Amino acid sequence: MKIIARMGNSSWFITLALVFLSGRTVEGGLPCENFGVGIGDRAKVKNSQMTASTVLGSDYRAFNARLDSPIDRGWCASANGAQGSYLEIDLERDYAFCGIRIQGAAHGHVNTFQLRFARDKEGSFIPFGTTFSRFTEEEENEEFHPTTPFPVGSVVRLYPLTFSGTVPCVRLELFGFPEPTVTCSPQYIIAEFKRSNYPDLESSEMHLTDTSCSAESENDTYITFHIPFRNCSTVRVQTPEHLEYRNEVMRRITQGVITYKMDMNFPITCRYDRNVTLNDLDIEVEEEEEETEEPADSGARLQPCHWLLATLWLSGAFLYRASVAGRGQF
C-alpha cells in the first residue's frame, strides 16, 4: 500500500500508516479474513493441489497443512531438507491475495518465512517483498499477516527461513479475491468483476492502466470493463502466429489529500490465433507497406522518360531545319 500525504503534523501521518498497514481490514470494505480461498475445504482445494519439496513423513505431507488440522499433523519439512524447503499450493485460478493466517504444529513452527507467487506452475515465482515474522511462540496460536500491496497469482509457495523445534511445520489459510471473468471478443476484451467476490467494490475507484479509462457498465452483480485493442495503454505483442493484447485493471482509493493505492492489480491478457481469427478481429495489423500507383489525373501527365523523348525529338528537328537552311544559302 502506498500512502501519499501532505500534513503539518507528522504524528498524524504515522498514526494513519499504522492503521492502514495493520492489514486486518481492506480499506473501504470487509475484513480480509472474510475472503478465505478455502484451503481448509478439501472440496475446494484438493490434496493433489498441495505439494512440498520435502516432508518429514506420511503424517506430515503437504495436504495436512490446512489451518486447524490436528496439531500432530500439518506439513513438516524433513530434517535433512529443512534448509530451502517449501510448501506449494496450486489454486488453479488467479487471486489477489490480501493475507495469510498461519500456525505451527507439534514438531515446531516457523519463526520467519517468505511467500512467492506465480501465475502458473511453469511460470516464474516472484518473491513478495516482505519477510514475515511470527510474534508468538505457541504452535497452536494462529497469526494473521497482511500482504499489501496485493500480490496476484494462482500458485503460492511458503519458504520457512528460521524455525523453532525439530523441523519447520506449518498449518495455514490464504485470503484473497478471485480473478475477474475475461472474454476475448473480436471487438474488445471483456473483464467482469462479480461484486460478491470483492469487499465493497466501487467502479469509481477502478480503472485500466490509462487512468482515464474506467468501467463500461455496472449493476448490482457485476462491474464490467470493455478493454480496447488500440487505446487505454493496451499493449500489443505480435508474432507470426498470434496477436496478444495486455492491460491491467486496478483499484485506487483517494480520500482528500491522501491517496491509498490498493494494488489490487489484475493483469488481463487475450491471445488470438492470427491464422484462425484474424479476419474476424476489429483491429488493424501492422504489415509492410506496399507501393501503390497514383491515380491518373484527368489531364495527361508526362513521365520523366516522356520528357527525354520529347527533348530528343525537338533537338533533332532543330538540327534538321538548321541543316536545310544552310544548304539553301549556298
Protein backbone atom coordinates (compact mmCIF):
# COMPACT_ATOMS: atom_id res chain seq x y z
CA MET A 1 0.00 0.00 0.00
CA LYS A 2 1.37 3.39 -0.95
CA ILE A 3 0.32 6.37 1.15
CA ILE A 4 0.93 9.89 -0.07
CA ALA A 5 0.15 12.60 2.43
CA ARG A 6 0.72 16.28 3.00
CA MET A 7 0.18 17.10 6.66
CA GLY A 8 1.70 19.58 9.03
CA ASN A 9 1.76 17.15 11.92
CA SER A 10 3.87 14.08 11.17
CA SER A 11 2.35 12.15 14.08
CA TRP A 12 -0.97 12.03 12.23
CA PHE A 13 0.79 10.52 9.24
CA ILE A 14 2.36 7.81 11.42
CA THR A 15 -0.99 7.04 13.03
CA LEU A 16 -2.69 6.67 9.64
CA ALA A 17 0.10 4.45 8.37
CA LEU A 18 -0.20 2.15 11.36
CA VAL A 19 -3.98 1.96 10.99
CA PHE A 20 -3.97 1.05 7.33
CA LEU A 21 -0.90 -1.17 7.36
CA SER A 22 -2.23 -3.27 10.23
CA GLY A 23 -3.87 -5.30 7.47
CA ARG A 24 -6.95 -6.51 9.29
CA THR A 25 -9.33 -4.56 7.09
CA VAL A 26 -9.29 -3.99 3.36
CA GLU A 27 -9.75 -0.24 3.00
CA GLY A 28 -13.38 0.69 2.42
CA GLY A 29 -14.62 -2.89 2.79
CA LEU A 30 -14.93 -6.00 4.86
CA PRO A 31 -12.07 -7.62 6.82
CA CYS A 32 -9.65 -9.57 4.67
CA GLU A 33 -10.35 -12.71 6.74
CA ASN A 34 -13.87 -12.81 5.24
CA PHE A 35 -12.31 -13.91 1.95
CA GLY A 36 -10.56 -17.21 2.60
CA VAL A 37 -9.63 -19.12 -0.55
CA GLY A 38 -10.78 -22.37 1.06
CA ILE A 39 -7.64 -24.38 1.86
CA GLY A 40 -9.50 -25.92 4.81
CA ASP A 41 -12.19 -27.22 2.44
CA ARG A 42 -10.96 -30.36 0.69
CA ALA A 43 -13.69 -29.96 -1.91
CA LYS A 44 -12.26 -26.58 -2.95
CA VAL A 45 -8.55 -27.32 -2.56
CA LYS A 46 -7.87 -31.00 -3.19
CA ASN A 47 -4.97 -32.92 -1.70
CA SER A 48 -3.33 -33.06 -5.14
CA GLN A 49 -3.18 -29.25 -5.23
CA MET A 50 -0.88 -29.16 -2.20
CA THR A 51 2.72 -30.34 -2.62
CA ALA A 52 6.06 -29.80 -0.90
CA SER A 53 9.74 -30.07 -1.68
CA THR A 54 10.32 -32.38 1.33
CA VAL A 55 8.20 -33.99 4.06
CA LEU A 56 9.06 -35.39 7.47
CA GLY A 57 6.86 -38.46 6.95
CA SER A 58 3.47 -39.69 5.76
CA ASP A 59 1.63 -37.90 8.59
CA TYR A 60 3.18 -34.59 7.62
CA ARG A 61 2.50 -34.41 3.92
CA ALA A 62 1.59 -31.11 2.28
CA PHE A 63 -2.18 -31.66 2.29
CA ASN A 64 -2.09 -31.73 6.08
CA ALA A 65 -1.11 -28.04 6.09
CA ARG A 66 -4.72 -26.94 6.49
CA LEU A 67 -5.48 -24.48 9.25
CA ASP A 68 -6.83 -26.12 12.43
CA SER A 69 -5.94 -29.64 11.31
CA PRO A 70 -4.72 -31.78 14.26
CA ILE A 71 -1.64 -30.34 15.95
CA ASP A 72 0.22 -33.61 15.50
CA ARG A 73 -0.20 -33.25 11.72
CA GLY A 74 0.44 -30.21 9.50
CA TRP A 75 3.16 -30.01 6.87
CA CYS A 76 6.64 -30.56 8.27
CA ALA A 77 9.80 -30.48 6.19
CA SER A 78 12.30 -33.30 6.59
CA ALA A 79 15.19 -32.69 8.95
CA ASN A 80 17.75 -33.11 6.18
CA GLY A 81 15.94 -30.85 3.73
CA ALA A 82 14.68 -28.13 6.05
CA GLN A 83 17.00 -25.51 4.55
CA GLY A 84 15.44 -24.26 1.31
CA SER A 85 12.29 -26.38 1.66
CA TYR A 86 8.91 -25.03 0.62
CA LEU A 87 5.19 -25.75 0.70
CA GLU A 88 3.34 -25.17 -2.60
CA ILE A 89 -0.40 -24.62 -3.12
CA ASP A 90 -1.87 -24.52 -6.63
CA LEU A 91 -5.27 -22.77 -6.51
CA GLU A 92 -5.78 -23.23 -10.27
CA ARG A 93 -7.02 -19.66 -10.73
CA ASP A 94 -5.58 -16.24 -10.03
CA TYR A 95 -6.26 -14.42 -6.79
CA ALA A 96 -5.27 -11.01 -5.45
CA PHE A 97 -4.02 -12.08 -2.00
CA CYS A 98 -4.65 -9.84 1.00
CA GLY A 99 -3.30 -12.02 3.81
CA ILE A 100 -2.28 -15.35 5.33
CA ARG A 101 -3.19 -16.98 8.64
CA ILE A 102 -0.57 -19.39 9.95
CA GLN A 103 0.07 -21.69 12.91
CA GLY A 104 2.68 -24.31 13.80
CA ALA A 105 2.45 -27.98 14.73
CA ALA A 106 3.76 -30.36 17.38
CA HIS A 107 7.27 -30.70 15.94
CA GLY A 108 7.85 -26.97 15.58
CA HIS A 109 6.81 -23.77 13.85
CA VAL A 110 8.36 -21.19 11.57
CA ASN A 111 9.72 -18.00 13.10
CA THR A 112 10.26 -16.20 9.80
CA PHE A 113 9.10 -17.08 6.29
CA GLN A 114 8.70 -15.74 2.78
CA LEU A 115 5.93 -16.05 0.19
CA ARG A 116 6.37 -16.34 -3.56
CA PHE A 117 3.69 -16.16 -6.23
CA ALA A 118 3.36 -17.35 -9.83
CA ARG A 119 0.62 -17.13 -12.45
CA ASP A 120 1.03 -20.85 -13.27
CA LYS A 121 3.24 -23.78 -12.26
CA GLU A 122 5.57 -23.25 -15.21
CA GLY A 123 5.91 -19.52 -14.57
CA SER A 124 8.49 -17.62 -12.58
CA PHE A 125 7.86 -17.30 -8.85
CA ILE A 126 8.04 -13.68 -7.75
CA PRO A 127 9.02 -13.11 -4.10
CA PHE A 128 6.76 -10.93 -2.02
CA GLY A 129 8.84 -8.02 -0.79
CA THR A 130 8.35 -8.68 2.93
CA THR A 131 9.81 -11.33 5.22
CA PHE A 132 7.12 -12.35 7.70
CA SER A 133 7.92 -12.86 11.38
CA ARG A 134 5.76 -14.73 13.87
CA PHE A 135 5.17 -12.91 17.14
CA THR A 136 4.02 -15.83 19.32
CA GLU A 137 5.85 -18.95 20.45
CA GLU A 138 2.88 -21.30 20.87
CA GLU A 139 2.41 -23.71 17.98
CA GLU A 140 -1.38 -23.70 18.32
CA ASN A 141 -1.68 -19.92 18.19
CA GLU A 142 -2.92 -18.54 14.88
CA GLU A 143 -1.44 -15.37 13.44
CA PHE A 144 -2.76 -13.21 10.63
CA HIS A 145 -0.24 -11.47 8.38
CA PRO A 146 -1.41 -8.98 5.72
CA THR A 147 0.00 -8.92 2.20
CA THR A 148 -0.23 -5.37 0.93
CA PRO A 149 0.07 -4.38 -1.83
CA PHE A 150 -1.93 -7.39 -3.01
CA PRO A 151 0.20 -9.86 -5.00
CA VAL A 152 -1.59 -11.70 -7.83
CA GLY A 153 -1.06 -15.36 -8.70
CA SER A 154 -2.55 -18.84 -8.77
CA VAL A 155 0.38 -20.76 -7.26
CA VAL A 156 1.76 -19.85 -3.82
CA ARG A 157 4.93 -21.08 -2.16
CA LEU A 158 5.81 -20.65 1.51
CA TYR A 159 9.53 -20.83 2.32
CA PRO A 160 10.46 -21.26 6.01
CA LEU A 161 13.59 -19.25 6.82
CA THR A 162 14.04 -19.85 10.55
CA PHE A 163 12.10 -22.11 12.90
CA SER A 164 11.77 -23.35 16.45
CA GLY A 165 11.54 -27.02 17.36
CA THR A 166 12.80 -30.05 15.50
CA VAL A 167 11.75 -29.03 11.96
CA PRO A 168 9.65 -26.23 10.38
CA CYS A 169 5.94 -27.11 10.45
CA VAL A 170 3.04 -25.10 9.05
CA ARG A 171 -0.76 -25.05 9.02
CA LEU A 172 -2.33 -22.15 7.13
CA GLU A 173 -5.16 -20.43 5.28
CA LEU A 174 -4.80 -17.87 2.49
CA PHE A 175 -7.12 -14.94 1.89
CA GLY A 176 -7.81 -13.09 -1.33
CA PHE A 177 -10.16 -12.18 -4.15
CA PRO A 178 -10.58 -14.32 -7.29
CA GLU A 179 -9.71 -13.07 -10.76
CA PRO A 180 -12.37 -11.48 -12.96
CA THR A 181 -14.07 -13.35 -15.78
CA VAL A 182 -12.28 -12.49 -19.05
CA THR A 183 -13.87 -12.88 -22.50
CA CYS A 184 -11.74 -12.39 -25.62
CA SER A 185 -14.27 -10.96 -28.06
CA PRO A 186 -13.50 -9.84 -31.65
CA GLN A 187 -14.23 -6.20 -30.81
CA TYR A 188 -12.55 -5.80 -27.39
CA ILE A 189 -11.60 -7.65 -24.20
CA ILE A 190 -14.37 -8.02 -21.62
CA ALA A 191 -13.41 -8.21 -17.92
CA GLU A 192 -16.27 -8.79 -15.46
CA PHE A 193 -15.86 -8.36 -11.69
CA LYS A 194 -18.51 -10.13 -9.62
CA ARG A 195 -19.30 -7.86 -6.71
CA SER A 196 -19.81 -10.71 -4.25
CA ASN A 197 -16.13 -11.68 -4.66
CA TYR A 198 -14.80 -8.30 -3.52
CA PRO A 199 -15.16 -6.08 -0.47
CA ASP A 200 -17.39 -3.09 -1.27
CA LEU A 201 -16.00 -2.76 -4.79
CA GLU A 202 -16.84 0.58 -6.42
CA SER A 203 -16.39 1.27 -10.12
CA SER A 204 -15.35 4.86 -9.36
CA GLU A 205 -12.19 3.51 -7.71
CA MET A 206 -11.23 1.29 -10.66
CA HIS A 207 -9.51 1.97 -13.97
CA LEU A 208 -7.23 0.47 -16.60
CA THR A 209 -3.52 1.22 -16.97
CA ASP A 210 -4.60 4.51 -18.51
CA THR A 211 -6.34 6.11 -15.53
CA SER A 212 -8.81 7.88 -17.83
CA CYS A 213 -10.28 4.52 -18.92
CA SER A 214 -12.96 3.41 -16.46
CA ALA A 215 -15.66 0.74 -16.29
CA GLU A 216 -18.05 0.39 -19.21
CA SER A 217 -21.07 -0.56 -17.11
CA GLU A 218 -22.14 -1.77 -13.67
CA ASN A 219 -25.14 -3.23 -11.91
CA ASP A 220 -25.85 -4.92 -8.60
CA THR A 221 -23.99 -8.06 -9.72
CA TYR A 222 -21.08 -7.06 -11.97
CA ILE A 223 -18.68 -4.27 -12.82
CA THR A 224 -17.70 -4.64 -16.47
CA PHE A 225 -14.74 -3.29 -18.44
CA HIS A 226 -14.51 -3.22 -22.22
CA ILE A 227 -10.77 -3.05 -22.95
CA PRO A 228 -10.00 -1.73 -26.46
CA PHE A 229 -7.23 -3.14 -28.61
CA ARG A 230 -5.79 0.24 -29.60
CA ASN A 231 -6.37 2.62 -26.67
CA CYS A 232 -6.19 2.82 -22.85
CA SER A 233 -2.48 1.83 -22.86
CA THR A 234 -3.27 -1.67 -24.11
CA VAL A 235 -0.02 -3.38 -25.12
CA ARG A 236 0.09 -5.50 -28.27
CA VAL A 237 2.57 -8.32 -28.80
CA GLN A 238 2.63 -9.52 -32.40
CA THR A 239 4.14 -12.79 -33.62
CA PRO A 240 3.67 -14.69 -36.89
CA GLU A 241 1.14 -16.96 -35.14
CA HIS A 242 -0.56 -14.80 -32.53
CA LEU A 243 -1.74 -11.36 -31.56
CA GLU A 244 -1.67 -10.85 -27.80
CA TYR A 245 -3.21 -7.87 -26.01
CA ARG A 246 -2.41 -6.94 -22.41
CA ASN A 247 -3.75 -4.41 -19.94
CA GLU A 248 -4.47 -4.19 -16.21
CA VAL A 249 -7.49 -3.39 -14.08
CA MET A 250 -6.55 -1.81 -10.76
CA ARG A 251 -8.26 -0.17 -7.83
CA ARG A 252 -7.12 3.16 -6.40
CA ILE A 253 -8.78 4.93 -3.49
CA THR A 254 -8.36 8.66 -2.92
CA GLN A 255 -9.72 10.47 0.10
CA GLY A 256 -8.95 14.18 0.33
CA VAL A 257 -5.21 14.78 0.06
CA ILE A 258 -4.39 11.15 0.85
CA THR A 259 -4.16 8.53 -1.90
CA TYR A 260 -4.31 4.86 -0.94
CA LYS A 261 -3.18 2.84 -3.91
CA MET A 262 -4.67 -0.56 -3.17
CA ASP A 263 -2.64 -2.61 -5.61
CA MET A 264 -5.47 -4.92 -6.49
CA ASN A 265 -3.95 -5.16 -9.96
CA PHE A 266 -5.37 -7.82 -12.24
CA PRO A 267 -3.32 -8.41 -15.42
CA ILE A 268 -5.74 -9.00 -18.30
CA THR A 269 -4.47 -10.87 -21.37
CA CYS A 270 -6.14 -12.14 -24.54
CA ARG A 271 -4.34 -14.10 -27.25
CA TYR A 272 -5.76 -14.51 -30.74
CA ASP A 273 -4.64 -17.04 -33.35
CA ARG A 274 -3.90 -14.98 -36.42
CA ASN A 275 -4.42 -17.91 -38.78
CA VAL A 276 -7.91 -18.60 -37.44
CA THR A 277 -9.42 -15.39 -36.16
CA LEU A 278 -7.56 -12.55 -37.86
CA ASN A 279 -10.31 -11.82 -40.37
CA ASP A 280 -12.88 -11.61 -37.55
CA LEU A 281 -10.97 -9.17 -35.32
CA ASP A 282 -11.82 -5.49 -35.32
CA ILE A 283 -8.16 -4.45 -35.39
CA GLU A 284 -5.51 -3.19 -37.73
CA VAL A 285 -2.47 -5.40 -38.18
CA GLU A 286 0.92 -3.85 -38.81
CA GLU A 287 2.04 -5.12 -42.18
CA GLU A 288 4.76 -3.94 -44.56
CA GLU A 289 3.55 -1.05 -46.65
CA GLU A 290 3.03 -1.86 -50.31
CA GLU A 291 3.75 0.62 -53.10
CA THR A 292 0.61 1.85 -54.76
CA GLU A 293 0.22 3.63 -58.09
CA GLU A 294 -1.04 7.16 -58.01
CA PRO A 295 -4.39 7.61 -59.71
CA ALA A 296 -4.16 9.20 -63.12
CA ASP A 297 -5.22 12.83 -63.41
CA SER A 298 -7.92 13.87 -65.82
CA GLY A 299 -5.25 15.60 -67.91
CA ALA A 300 -2.25 13.87 -69.42
CA ARG A 301 0.90 13.96 -67.35
CA LEU A 302 4.28 13.24 -68.93
CA GLN A 303 6.53 10.84 -67.11
CA PRO A 304 10.34 11.54 -66.98
CA CYS A 305 11.02 9.18 -69.88
CA HIS A 306 8.45 11.06 -72.00
CA TRP A 307 10.22 14.37 -71.32
CA LEU A 308 13.50 12.82 -72.51
CA LEU A 309 11.99 11.58 -75.77
CA ALA A 310 10.34 14.94 -76.38
CA THR A 311 13.63 16.75 -75.81
CA LEU A 312 15.49 14.45 -78.22
CA TRP A 313 12.79 14.90 -80.86
CA LEU A 314 12.87 18.68 -80.60
CA SER A 315 16.67 18.69 -80.73
CA GLY A 316 16.66 16.54 -83.86
CA ALA A 317 14.06 18.73 -85.53
CA PHE A 318 16.05 21.87 -84.80
CA LEU A 319 19.27 20.39 -86.23
CA TYR A 320 17.43 19.21 -89.36
CA ARG A 321 15.95 22.63 -90.05
CA ALA A 322 19.32 24.29 -89.48
CA SER A 323 20.93 21.88 -91.94
CA VAL A 324 18.32 22.57 -94.63
CA ALA A 325 18.61 26.32 -94.15
CA GLY A 326 22.39 26.12 -94.51
CA ARG A 327 22.19 24.26 -97.87
CA GLY A 328 19.76 26.84 -99.17
CA GLN A 329 22.28 29.65 -98.68
CA PHE A 330 24.97 28.16 -100.99
